[in-house]
Amino acid sequence: MLQAARERCAGYANTLFVRASGRDLSAFQDSSIDLICAVDVFPYLVMSGLAQAHVGEAARVLRPDGHLLILNFAYHGDAASNLNELRNLARGMGLSICYSASLGVLALGWHLLSAAEIRRTGTFEMIRSWLVANRRGKNHDGSRVHTRA
């Protein structure tokens, strides 16, 4: 998956794809990252008790207009309880969830993409169009972008 992402983004000088332990993001400086994509890793962070630490690390390394995109937060509970759990984690780190949808696809602090939209358009294209729209002050659905609480 990382190799495919590297190949698709080869023309972009400002991209970096890293396989990390998930225990921390100590390799990165404060406020140095625009986007963290956590694809199918948070259920394991949640099960091992590391979700709070990872959200805290993400809050530390993300730029003020940065994004943490979480694809699948947890395998336990239902969508509403998972969203509530993530909302509580986010609030504790000074972040917020400003848009939500079903199917376990969450983006912290700022926007949420629905799994149906990702499947329809392809993950990479959806994330890219979301980021472009977000930089213009709008979410991909035309609603206004919200920032950290």
N, C-alpha and C. Protein backbone atom coordinates (compact mmCIF):
# COMPACT_ATOMS: atom_id res chain seq x y z
N MET A 1 0.82 -1.18 0.00
CA MET A 1 0.00 0.00 0.00
C MET A 1 0.87 1.26 0.00
N LEU A 2 1.92 1.27 0.83
CA LEU A 2 2.81 2.43 0.86
C LEU A 2 3.52 2.62 -0.47
N GLN A 3 3.97 1.53 -1.07
CA GLN A 3 4.66 1.63 -2.35
C GLN A 3 3.72 2.19 -3.42
N ALA A 4 2.48 1.74 -3.44
CA ALA A 4 1.51 2.26 -4.41
C ALA A 4 1.29 3.75 -4.19
N ALA A 5 1.19 4.18 -2.94
CA ALA A 5 1.02 5.60 -2.64
C ALA A 5 2.24 6.40 -3.08
N ARG A 6 3.42 5.87 -2.83
CA ARG A 6 4.66 6.55 -3.27
C ARG A 6 4.67 6.72 -4.78
N GLU A 7 4.29 5.67 -5.49
CA GLU A 7 4.28 5.73 -6.96
C GLU A 7 3.26 6.74 -7.46
N ARG A 8 2.08 6.75 -6.88
CA ARG A 8 1.04 7.70 -7.32
C ARG A 8 1.42 9.14 -7.02
N CYS A 9 2.21 9.36 -6.01
CA CYS A 9 2.57 10.73 -5.60
C CYS A 9 4.00 11.08 -5.97
N ALA A 10 4.61 10.33 -6.85
CA ALA A 10 6.02 10.56 -7.20
C ALA A 10 6.27 11.97 -7.71
N GLY A 11 5.30 12.59 -8.33
CA GLY A 11 5.47 13.94 -8.86
C GLY A 11 5.30 15.05 -7.84
N TYR A 12 4.94 14.70 -6.62
CA TYR A 12 4.72 15.70 -5.58
C TYR A 12 5.91 15.71 -4.63
N ALA A 13 6.61 16.83 -4.59
CA ALA A 13 7.82 16.92 -3.76
C ALA A 13 7.51 16.97 -2.27
N ASN A 14 6.31 17.34 -1.91
CA ASN A 14 5.99 17.54 -0.49
C ASN A 14 5.24 16.37 0.13
N THR A 15 5.40 15.17 -0.41
CA THR A 15 4.74 14.01 0.18
C THR A 15 5.76 13.08 0.82
N LEU A 16 5.34 12.45 1.89
CA LEU A 16 6.18 11.49 2.59
C LEU A 16 5.28 10.39 3.12
N PHE A 17 5.61 9.15 2.82
CA PHE A 17 4.84 8.01 3.28
C PHE A 17 5.73 7.20 4.20
N VAL A 18 5.27 6.99 5.42
CA VAL A 18 6.10 6.36 6.44
C VAL A 18 5.33 5.20 7.08
N ARG A 19 6.00 4.10 7.23
CA ARG A 19 5.46 2.99 8.01
C ARG A 19 6.02 3.15 9.42
N ALA A 20 5.13 3.33 10.37
CA ALA A 20 5.56 3.60 11.74
C ALA A 20 4.90 2.61 12.70
N SER A 21 5.40 2.58 13.91
CA SER A 21 4.88 1.65 14.92
C SER A 21 3.50 2.06 15.42
N GLY A 22 3.17 3.33 15.31
CA GLY A 22 1.91 3.82 15.86
C GLY A 22 2.02 4.21 17.32
N ARG A 23 3.15 3.92 17.93
CA ARG A 23 3.33 4.27 19.34
C ARG A 23 3.56 5.77 19.52
N ASP A 24 4.22 6.38 18.56
CA ASP A 24 4.43 7.83 18.61
C ASP A 24 4.85 8.32 17.23
N LEU A 25 4.92 9.61 17.11
CA LEU A 25 5.37 10.25 15.87
C LEU A 25 6.61 11.08 16.17
N SER A 26 7.49 10.54 17.01
CA SER A 26 8.66 11.28 17.48
C SER A 26 9.63 11.66 16.37
N ALA A 27 9.52 11.02 15.22
CA ALA A 27 10.41 11.36 14.10
C ALA A 27 10.02 12.69 13.45
N PHE A 28 8.88 13.24 13.84
CA PHE A 28 8.38 14.45 13.19
C PHE A 28 8.36 15.62 14.17
N GLN A 29 8.65 16.81 13.65
CA GLN A 29 8.64 18.02 14.45
C GLN A 29 7.22 18.51 14.68
N ASP A 30 7.04 19.32 15.70
CA ASP A 30 5.74 19.93 15.98
C ASP A 30 5.29 20.74 14.77
N SER A 31 4.00 20.73 14.51
CA SER A 31 3.36 21.53 13.45
C SER A 31 4.07 21.41 12.11
N SER A 32 4.41 20.20 11.71
CA SER A 32 5.18 20.02 10.48
C SER A 32 4.45 19.22 9.40
N ILE A 33 3.25 18.72 9.69
CA ILE A 33 2.57 17.81 8.77
C ILE A 33 1.19 18.35 8.40
N ASP A 34 0.85 18.24 7.12
CA ASP A 34 -0.47 18.66 6.64
C ASP A 34 -1.52 17.57 6.79
N LEU A 35 -1.15 16.32 6.52
CA LEU A 35 -2.12 15.24 6.50
C LEU A 35 -1.51 13.95 7.02
N ILE A 36 -2.20 13.32 7.94
CA ILE A 36 -1.85 11.98 8.39
C ILE A 36 -3.00 11.07 7.99
N CYS A 37 -2.71 10.05 7.20
CA CYS A 37 -3.72 9.05 6.82
C CYS A 37 -3.47 7.80 7.63
N ALA A 38 -4.40 7.46 8.47
CA ALA A 38 -4.32 6.23 9.27
C ALA A 38 -5.32 5.25 8.68
N VAL A 39 -4.83 4.40 7.79
CA VAL A 39 -5.69 3.48 7.05
C VAL A 39 -5.70 2.12 7.76
N ASP A 40 -6.84 1.79 8.35
CA ASP A 40 -7.04 0.51 9.03
C ASP A 40 -6.02 0.23 10.13
N VAL A 41 -5.53 1.27 10.80
CA VAL A 41 -4.62 1.06 11.92
C VAL A 41 -5.27 1.39 13.27
N PHE A 42 -6.22 2.29 13.28
CA PHE A 42 -6.80 2.71 14.56
C PHE A 42 -7.51 1.60 15.32
N PRO A 43 -8.17 0.64 14.67
CA PRO A 43 -8.75 -0.44 15.48
C PRO A 43 -7.70 -1.14 16.35
N TYR A 44 -6.50 -1.28 15.84
CA TYR A 44 -5.43 -1.94 16.60
C TYR A 44 -4.87 -1.01 17.67
N LEU A 45 -4.82 0.29 17.38
CA LEU A 45 -4.41 1.25 18.40
C LEU A 45 -5.43 1.29 19.53
N VAL A 46 -6.72 1.25 19.16
CA VAL A 46 -7.78 1.25 20.17
C VAL A 46 -7.67 -0.01 21.04
N MET A 47 -7.52 -1.18 20.41
CA MET A 47 -7.44 -2.44 21.16
C MET A 47 -6.23 -2.49 22.09
N SER A 48 -5.13 -1.84 21.69
CA SER A 48 -3.91 -1.89 22.51
C SER A 48 -3.80 -0.71 23.48
N GLY A 49 -4.82 0.15 23.50
CA GLY A 49 -4.81 1.28 24.43
C GLY A 49 -3.94 2.44 23.99
N LEU A 50 -3.58 2.49 22.71
CA LEU A 50 -2.68 3.53 22.20
C LEU A 50 -3.38 4.64 21.42
N ALA A 51 -4.70 4.56 21.29
CA ALA A 51 -5.41 5.55 20.47
C ALA A 51 -5.23 6.97 21.00
N GLN A 52 -5.38 7.15 22.31
CA GLN A 52 -5.25 8.49 22.89
C GLN A 52 -3.85 9.05 22.65
N ALA A 53 -2.83 8.25 22.84
CA ALA A 53 -1.46 8.71 22.62
C ALA A 53 -1.25 9.09 21.16
N HIS A 54 -1.80 8.30 20.25
CA HIS A 54 -1.60 8.57 18.83
C HIS A 54 -2.35 9.83 18.39
N VAL A 55 -3.56 10.02 18.88
CA VAL A 55 -4.30 11.25 18.57
C VAL A 55 -3.54 12.45 19.13
N GLY A 56 -2.99 12.32 20.32
CA GLY A 56 -2.19 13.40 20.91
C GLY A 56 -0.96 13.71 20.09
N GLU A 57 -0.28 12.69 19.62
CA GLU A 57 0.89 12.88 18.76
C GLU A 57 0.48 13.53 17.44
N ALA A 58 -0.64 13.10 16.89
CA ALA A 58 -1.12 13.71 15.65
C ALA A 58 -1.41 15.19 15.86
N ALA A 59 -2.06 15.52 16.96
CA ALA A 59 -2.35 16.93 17.27
C ALA A 59 -1.06 17.73 17.39
N ARG A 60 -0.03 17.12 17.92
CA ARG A 60 1.26 17.80 18.09
C ARG A 60 1.93 18.08 16.75
N VAL A 61 1.95 17.10 15.86
CA VAL A 61 2.72 17.25 14.61
C VAL A 61 1.93 17.90 13.49
N LEU A 62 0.61 17.95 13.59
CA LEU A 62 -0.17 18.57 12.52
C LEU A 62 -0.06 20.08 12.55
N ARG A 63 0.01 20.66 11.36
CA ARG A 63 -0.04 22.12 11.25
C ARG A 63 -1.42 22.58 11.69
N PRO A 64 -1.58 23.88 11.99
CA PRO A 64 -2.88 24.37 12.45
C PRO A 64 -4.04 24.05 11.49
N ASP A 65 -3.76 23.94 10.20
CA ASP A 65 -4.82 23.59 9.25
C ASP A 65 -4.69 22.14 8.78
N GLY A 66 -3.98 21.32 9.55
CA GLY A 66 -3.73 19.93 9.17
C GLY A 66 -4.91 19.01 9.44
N HIS A 67 -4.79 17.79 8.95
CA HIS A 67 -5.87 16.82 9.04
C HIS A 67 -5.35 15.44 9.45
N LEU A 68 -6.11 14.78 10.27
CA LEU A 68 -5.89 13.37 10.59
C LEU A 68 -7.06 12.61 10.00
N LEU A 69 -6.81 11.84 8.97
CA LEU A 69 -7.85 11.04 8.32
C LEU A 69 -7.78 9.63 8.88
N ILE A 70 -8.86 9.19 9.49
CA ILE A 70 -8.91 7.86 10.09
C ILE A 70 -9.90 7.02 9.30
N LEU A 71 -9.39 5.97 8.68
CA LEU A 71 -10.24 5.02 7.97
C LEU A 71 -10.40 3.81 8.88
N ASN A 72 -11.54 3.70 9.53
CA ASN A 72 -11.88 2.67 10.52
C ASN A 72 -11.25 3.01 11.87
N PHE A 73 -12.10 3.44 12.78
CA PHE A 73 -11.62 3.81 14.11
C PHE A 73 -11.55 2.61 15.05
N ALA A 74 -12.60 1.80 15.09
CA ALA A 74 -12.62 0.67 16.03
C ALA A 74 -13.50 -0.45 15.49
N TYR A 75 -13.23 -1.65 15.96
CA TYR A 75 -14.03 -2.80 15.57
C TYR A 75 -15.13 -3.10 16.58
N HIS A 76 -15.09 -2.47 17.73
CA HIS A 76 -16.11 -2.72 18.75
C HIS A 76 -17.21 -1.67 18.67
N GLY A 77 -18.34 -1.96 19.25
CA GLY A 77 -19.43 -0.99 19.33
C GLY A 77 -20.06 -0.70 17.99
N ASP A 78 -20.94 0.29 18.00
CA ASP A 78 -21.58 0.72 16.77
C ASP A 78 -20.99 2.05 16.33
N ALA A 79 -21.42 2.54 15.18
CA ALA A 79 -20.85 3.78 14.63
C ALA A 79 -21.03 4.95 15.58
N ALA A 80 -22.20 5.05 16.21
CA ALA A 80 -22.46 6.18 17.12
C ALA A 80 -21.54 6.14 18.34
N SER A 81 -21.35 4.96 18.93
CA SER A 81 -20.49 4.88 20.11
C SER A 81 -19.02 5.10 19.73
N ASN A 82 -18.61 4.63 18.55
CA ASN A 82 -17.24 4.87 18.10
C ASN A 82 -17.00 6.36 17.85
N LEU A 83 -17.99 7.02 17.23
CA LEU A 83 -17.87 8.45 16.99
C LEU A 83 -17.80 9.21 18.31
N ASN A 84 -18.61 8.81 19.28
CA ASN A 84 -18.58 9.45 20.59
C ASN A 84 -17.23 9.25 21.27
N GLU A 85 -16.68 8.04 21.18
CA GLU A 85 -15.37 7.75 21.76
C GLU A 85 -14.29 8.61 21.11
N LEU A 86 -14.33 8.72 19.79
CA LEU A 86 -13.35 9.54 19.09
C LEU A 86 -13.54 11.02 19.41
N ARG A 87 -14.79 11.45 19.50
CA ARG A 87 -15.07 12.86 19.83
C ARG A 87 -14.47 13.20 21.20
N ASN A 88 -14.60 12.30 22.16
CA ASN A 88 -14.03 12.53 23.49
C ASN A 88 -12.51 12.58 23.44
N LEU A 89 -11.90 11.68 22.66
CA LEU A 89 -10.44 11.71 22.49
C LEU A 89 -10.01 13.03 21.86
N ALA A 90 -10.71 13.42 20.80
CA ALA A 90 -10.36 14.65 20.09
C ALA A 90 -10.47 15.86 20.99
N ARG A 91 -11.57 15.94 21.72
CA ARG A 91 -11.81 17.08 22.61
C ARG A 91 -10.69 17.21 23.63
N GLY A 92 -10.21 16.09 24.12
CA GLY A 92 -9.12 16.10 25.09
C GLY A 92 -7.81 16.61 24.53
N MET A 93 -7.69 16.60 23.21
CA MET A 93 -6.47 17.07 22.55
C MET A 93 -6.66 18.44 21.90
N GLY A 94 -7.80 19.08 22.14
CA GLY A 94 -8.06 20.38 21.55
C GLY A 94 -8.48 20.30 20.10
N LEU A 95 -8.94 19.14 19.65
CA LEU A 95 -9.40 18.95 18.28
C LEU A 95 -10.91 18.77 18.29
N SER A 96 -11.51 18.77 17.12
CA SER A 96 -12.94 18.53 17.04
C SER A 96 -13.27 17.78 15.75
N ILE A 97 -14.43 17.15 15.75
CA ILE A 97 -14.95 16.53 14.54
C ILE A 97 -16.07 17.44 14.07
N CYS A 98 -15.94 17.95 12.87
CA CYS A 98 -16.91 18.94 12.40
C CYS A 98 -17.90 18.37 11.39
N TYR A 99 -17.69 17.18 10.94
CA TYR A 99 -18.58 16.57 9.96
C TYR A 99 -18.49 15.07 10.18
N SER A 100 -19.59 14.38 10.14
CA SER A 100 -19.52 12.95 10.38
C SER A 100 -20.42 12.20 9.41
N ALA A 101 -20.07 10.94 9.20
CA ALA A 101 -20.87 10.05 8.35
C ALA A 101 -20.71 8.65 8.90
N SER A 102 -21.34 7.70 8.27
CA SER A 102 -21.32 6.34 8.79
C SER A 102 -20.18 5.53 8.20
N LEU A 103 -20.16 4.27 8.52
CA LEU A 103 -19.25 3.27 7.98
C LEU A 103 -17.84 3.37 8.49
N GLY A 104 -17.61 4.07 9.60
CA GLY A 104 -16.32 4.00 10.27
C GLY A 104 -15.21 4.82 9.66
N VAL A 105 -15.50 5.73 8.76
CA VAL A 105 -14.46 6.54 8.15
C VAL A 105 -14.51 7.91 8.80
N LEU A 106 -13.43 8.28 9.50
CA LEU A 106 -13.43 9.50 10.29
C LEU A 106 -12.22 10.36 9.97
N ALA A 107 -12.41 11.65 9.94
CA ALA A 107 -11.29 12.57 9.83
C ALA A 107 -11.39 13.53 10.99
N LEU A 108 -10.37 13.60 11.77
CA LEU A 108 -10.39 14.37 12.99
C LEU A 108 -10.21 15.84 12.75
N GLY A 109 -10.94 16.60 13.46
CA GLY A 109 -10.70 18.01 13.56
C GLY A 109 -11.32 18.80 12.46
N TRP A 110 -11.81 18.14 11.49
CA TRP A 110 -12.02 19.05 10.41
C TRP A 110 -12.94 18.53 9.34
N HIS A 111 -12.94 17.26 9.07
CA HIS A 111 -13.82 16.77 8.03
C HIS A 111 -13.88 15.26 8.05
N LEU A 112 -14.90 14.72 7.51
CA LEU A 112 -15.08 13.28 7.44
C LEU A 112 -15.54 12.88 6.05
N LEU A 113 -14.89 11.91 5.47
CA LEU A 113 -15.29 11.38 4.17
C LEU A 113 -16.10 10.12 4.40
N SER A 114 -17.16 9.95 3.66
CA SER A 114 -17.93 8.72 3.83
C SER A 114 -17.32 7.59 3.00
N ALA A 115 -17.43 6.39 3.50
CA ALA A 115 -16.86 5.24 2.80
C ALA A 115 -17.48 5.08 1.42
N ALA A 116 -18.76 5.38 1.27
CA ALA A 116 -19.40 5.25 -0.03
C ALA A 116 -18.75 6.18 -1.06
N GLU A 117 -18.44 7.39 -0.66
CA GLU A 117 -17.79 8.32 -1.58
C GLU A 117 -16.39 7.85 -1.94
N ILE A 118 -15.67 7.32 -0.98
CA ILE A 118 -14.32 6.83 -1.25
C ILE A 118 -14.38 5.66 -2.21
N ARG A 119 -15.30 4.74 -2.00
CA ARG A 119 -15.41 3.59 -2.90
C ARG A 119 -15.79 4.02 -4.31
N ARG A 120 -16.65 5.01 -4.43
CA ARG A 120 -17.12 5.44 -5.74
C ARG A 120 -16.02 6.13 -6.53
N THR A 121 -15.20 6.94 -5.88
CA THR A 121 -14.23 7.74 -6.61
C THR A 121 -12.81 7.21 -6.53
N GLY A 122 -12.53 6.32 -5.62
CA GLY A 122 -11.17 5.84 -5.41
C GLY A 122 -10.54 6.65 -4.29
N THR A 123 -9.90 6.00 -3.36
CA THR A 123 -9.39 6.66 -2.16
C THR A 123 -8.48 7.83 -2.47
N PHE A 124 -7.47 7.62 -3.31
CA PHE A 124 -6.50 8.67 -3.56
C PHE A 124 -7.15 9.89 -4.19
N GLU A 125 -7.98 9.68 -5.20
CA GLU A 125 -8.63 10.81 -5.86
C GLU A 125 -9.56 11.55 -4.90
N MET A 126 -10.25 10.82 -4.05
CA MET A 126 -11.16 11.46 -3.09
C MET A 126 -10.38 12.31 -2.10
N ILE A 127 -9.30 11.77 -1.57
CA ILE A 127 -8.51 12.52 -0.61
C ILE A 127 -7.91 13.76 -1.27
N ARG A 128 -7.42 13.61 -2.50
CA ARG A 128 -6.84 14.75 -3.19
C ARG A 128 -7.89 15.83 -3.44
N SER A 129 -9.08 15.46 -3.91
CA SER A 129 -10.11 16.47 -4.17
C SER A 129 -10.58 17.11 -2.87
N TRP A 130 -10.63 16.31 -1.79
CA TRP A 130 -11.01 16.85 -0.49
C TRP A 130 -10.00 17.88 -0.02
N LEU A 131 -8.71 17.58 -0.18
CA LEU A 131 -7.68 18.52 0.26
C LEU A 131 -7.72 19.81 -0.53
N VAL A 132 -7.92 19.71 -1.85
CA VAL A 132 -8.00 20.91 -2.68
C VAL A 132 -9.19 21.76 -2.26
N ALA A 133 -10.36 21.14 -2.10
CA ALA A 133 -11.55 21.88 -1.68
C ALA A 133 -11.34 22.48 -0.30
N ASN A 134 -10.71 21.72 0.59
CA ASN A 134 -10.48 22.18 1.94
C ASN A 134 -9.58 23.40 1.97
N ARG A 135 -8.57 23.42 1.14
CA ARG A 135 -7.67 24.57 1.07
C ARG A 135 -8.41 25.82 0.59
N ARG A 136 -9.51 25.63 -0.12
CA ARG A 136 -10.31 26.76 -0.60
C ARG A 136 -11.35 27.18 0.43
N GLY A 137 -11.35 26.52 1.58
CA GLY A 137 -12.28 26.89 2.64
C GLY A 137 -13.61 26.16 2.59
N LYS A 138 -13.70 25.13 1.75
CA LYS A 138 -14.93 24.36 1.65
C LYS A 138 -14.63 22.88 1.73
N ASN A 139 -15.56 22.13 2.29
CA ASN A 139 -15.46 20.68 2.27
C ASN A 139 -15.89 20.19 0.90
N HIS A 140 -15.62 18.93 0.60
CA HIS A 140 -15.96 18.40 -0.72
C HIS A 140 -17.45 18.46 -1.01
N ASP A 141 -18.28 18.53 0.01
CA ASP A 141 -19.73 18.60 -0.19
C ASP A 141 -20.23 20.04 -0.29
N GLY A 142 -19.31 21.02 -0.28
CA GLY A 142 -19.68 22.42 -0.41
C GLY A 142 -19.89 23.13 0.92
N SER A 143 -19.95 22.39 2.02
CA SER A 143 -20.12 23.04 3.32
C SER A 143 -18.82 23.74 3.72
N ARG A 144 -18.97 24.69 4.63
CA ARG A 144 -17.82 25.48 5.06
C ARG A 144 -16.88 24.66 5.94
N VAL A 145 -15.58 24.87 5.75
CA VAL A 145 -14.57 24.18 6.55
C VAL A 145 -14.56 24.74 7.96
N HIS A 146 -14.49 23.86 8.94
CA HIS A 146 -14.34 24.25 10.35
C HIS A 146 -12.93 23.89 10.78
N THR A 147 -12.40 24.63 11.71
CA THR A 147 -11.05 24.35 12.19
C THR A 147 -11.09 23.90 13.64
N ARG A 148 -9.93 23.75 14.21
CA ARG A 148 -9.82 23.27 15.60
C ARG A 148 -10.69 24.05 16.55
N ALA A 149 -11.17 23.34 17.54
CA ALA A 149 -12.03 23.96 18.56
C ALA A 149 -11.21 24.83 19.47
